[in-house]
Amino acid sequence: MRSAHLGAGAMLVALVSWAAVACGHDFEPPDRAQRVAAAAEEYSPALFDSITWASQDARMLEGNTIYAEDCRRCHG
């Protein structure tokens, strides 16, 4: 069973390598303005205007929890 997984992995690597070479051009990501425009189109503030909490305390607790779990690493 293990050799079948190794064979499948080698085949996948070969296929991905072939596809990358066969493509014939380098990947150039869109510039920042295009990415910002796409994000603004996809994530409208109107999507979040219906979020409500049971109380102001519940809102603060949720905000603190999210900050502690996700934001503190980068923002201190």
C-alpha atoms as a PDB file:
ATOM      1  CA  MET A   1       0.000   0.000   0.000  1.00  0.00           C
ATOM      2  CA  ARG A   2       2.796   2.406   0.871  1.00  0.00           C
ATOM      3  CA  SER A   3       4.564   1.933  -2.483  1.00  0.00           C
ATOM      4  CA  ALA A   4       1.304   2.795  -4.252  1.00  0.00           C
ATOM      5  CA  HIS A   5       1.215   6.101  -2.357  1.00  0.00           C
ATOM      6  CA  LEU A   6       4.841   6.798  -3.276  1.00  0.00           C
ATOM      7  CA  GLY A   7       4.120   6.029  -6.923  1.00  0.00           C
ATOM      8  CA  ALA A   8       1.070   8.276  -6.925  1.00  0.00           C
ATOM      9  CA  GLY A   9       3.063  11.070  -5.284  1.00  0.00           C
ATOM     10  CA  ALA A  10       5.853  10.781  -7.841  1.00  0.00           C
ATOM     11  CA  MET A  11       3.304  10.809 -10.645  1.00  0.00           C
ATOM     12  CA  LEU A  12       1.670  13.923  -9.210  1.00  0.00           C
ATOM     13  CA  VAL A  13       5.022  15.718  -8.951  1.00  0.00           C
ATOM     14  CA  ALA A  14       5.840  14.780 -12.540  1.00  0.00           C
ATOM     15  CA  LEU A  15       2.443  15.946 -13.768  1.00  0.00           C
ATOM     16  CA  VAL A  16       2.675  19.281 -11.953  1.00  0.00           C
ATOM     17  CA  SER A  17       6.219  19.814 -13.222  1.00  0.00           C
ATOM     18  CA  TRP A  18       5.155  19.050 -16.782  1.00  0.00           C
ATOM     19  CA  ALA A  19       2.186  21.403 -16.519  1.00  0.00           C
ATOM     20  CA  ALA A  20       4.396  24.212 -15.216  1.00  0.00           C
ATOM     21  CA  VAL A  21       6.877  23.789 -18.068  1.00  0.00           C
ATOM     22  CA  ALA A  22       4.219  23.254 -20.732  1.00  0.00           C
ATOM     23  CA  CYS A  23       2.439  26.447 -19.776  1.00  0.00           C
ATOM     24  CA  GLY A  24       5.267  28.463 -21.292  1.00  0.00           C
ATOM     25  CA  HIS A  25       4.924  31.711 -19.342  1.00  0.00           C
ATOM     26  CA  ASP A  26       5.701  33.081 -15.922  1.00  0.00           C
ATOM     27  CA  PHE A  27       2.927  33.796 -13.476  1.00  0.00           C
ATOM     28  CA  GLU A  28       2.463  37.499 -12.910  1.00  0.00           C
ATOM     29  CA  PRO A  29       0.026  38.334 -10.117  1.00  0.00           C
ATOM     30  CA  PRO A  30      -2.369  41.230 -10.644  1.00  0.00           C
ATOM     31  CA  ASP A  31      -1.173  44.584  -9.393  1.00  0.00           C
ATOM     32  CA  ARG A  32      -2.295  45.974  -6.051  1.00  0.00           C
ATOM     33  CA  ALA A  33      -4.991  48.234  -7.516  1.00  0.00           C
ATOM     34  CA  GLN A  34      -6.642  45.269  -9.236  1.00  0.00           C
ATOM     35  CA  ARG A  35      -6.564  43.212  -6.033  1.00  0.00           C
ATOM     36  CA  VAL A  36      -8.034  46.056  -3.971  1.00  0.00           C
ATOM     37  CA  ALA A  37     -10.789  46.613  -6.539  1.00  0.00           C
ATOM     38  CA  ALA A  38     -11.635  42.893  -6.556  1.00  0.00           C
ATOM     39  CA  ALA A  39     -11.748  42.789  -2.752  1.00  0.00           C
ATOM     40  CA  ALA A  40     -13.923  45.912  -2.588  1.00  0.00           C
ATOM     41  CA  GLU A  41     -16.325  44.371  -5.083  1.00  0.00           C
ATOM     42  CA  GLU A  42     -16.523  41.072  -3.195  1.00  0.00           C
ATOM     43  CA  TYR A  43     -16.630  42.388   0.387  1.00  0.00           C
ATOM     44  CA  SER A  44     -19.092  45.249   0.591  1.00  0.00           C
ATOM     45  CA  PRO A  45     -19.709  46.866   4.000  1.00  0.00           C
ATOM     46  CA  ALA A  46     -23.408  46.270   3.316  1.00  0.00           C
ATOM     47  CA  LEU A  47     -22.757  42.570   3.973  1.00  0.00           C
ATOM     48  CA  PHE A  48     -22.040  43.379   7.606  1.00  0.00           C
ATOM     49  CA  ASP A  49     -24.765  45.912   8.401  1.00  0.00           C
ATOM     50  CA  SER A  50     -27.118  43.252   9.737  1.00  0.00           C
ATOM     51  CA  ILE A  51     -24.768  41.824  12.374  1.00  0.00           C
ATOM     52  CA  THR A  52     -26.248  42.301  15.825  1.00  0.00           C
ATOM     53  CA  TRP A  53     -25.429  41.189  19.343  1.00  0.00           C
ATOM     54  CA  ALA A  54     -27.681  40.495  22.293  1.00  0.00           C
ATOM     55  CA  SER A  55     -26.065  43.357  24.217  1.00  0.00           C
ATOM     56  CA  GLN A  56     -23.188  45.810  24.123  1.00  0.00           C
ATOM     57  CA  ASP A  57     -21.328  43.561  26.588  1.00  0.00           C
ATOM     58  CA  ALA A  58     -21.750  40.554  24.273  1.00  0.00           C
ATOM     59  CA  ARG A  59     -20.426  42.663  21.390  1.00  0.00           C
ATOM     60  CA  MET A  60     -17.366  43.712  23.395  1.00  0.00           C
ATOM     61  CA  LEU A  61     -16.683  40.151  24.549  1.00  0.00           C
ATOM     62  CA  GLU A  62     -16.843  38.824  20.977  1.00  0.00           C
ATOM     63  CA  GLY A  63     -14.571  41.609  19.732  1.00  0.00           C
ATOM     64  CA  ASN A  64     -12.037  40.896  22.474  1.00  0.00           C
ATOM     65  CA  THR A  65     -12.145  37.168  21.737  1.00  0.00           C
ATOM     66  CA  ILE A  66     -11.526  37.700  18.029  1.00  0.00           C
ATOM     67  CA  TYR A  67      -8.714  40.153  18.760  1.00  0.00           C
ATOM     68  CA  ALA A  68      -7.070  37.755  21.223  1.00  0.00           C
ATOM     69  CA  GLU A  69      -7.281  34.792  18.844  1.00  0.00           C
ATOM     70  CA  ASP A  70      -6.446  36.433  15.520  1.00  0.00           C
ATOM     71  CA  CYS A  71      -5.153  40.005  15.734  1.00  0.00           C
ATOM     72  CA  ARG A  72      -2.820  40.087  18.721  1.00  0.00           C
ATOM     73  CA  ARG A  73      -0.032  38.174  16.954  1.00  0.00           C
ATOM     74  CA  CYS A  74       0.572  41.036  14.519  1.00  0.00           C
ATOM     75  CA  HIS A  75      -0.898  44.054  16.259  1.00  0.00           C
ATOM     76  CA  GLY A  76       0.318  43.406  19.791  1.00  0.00           C
END
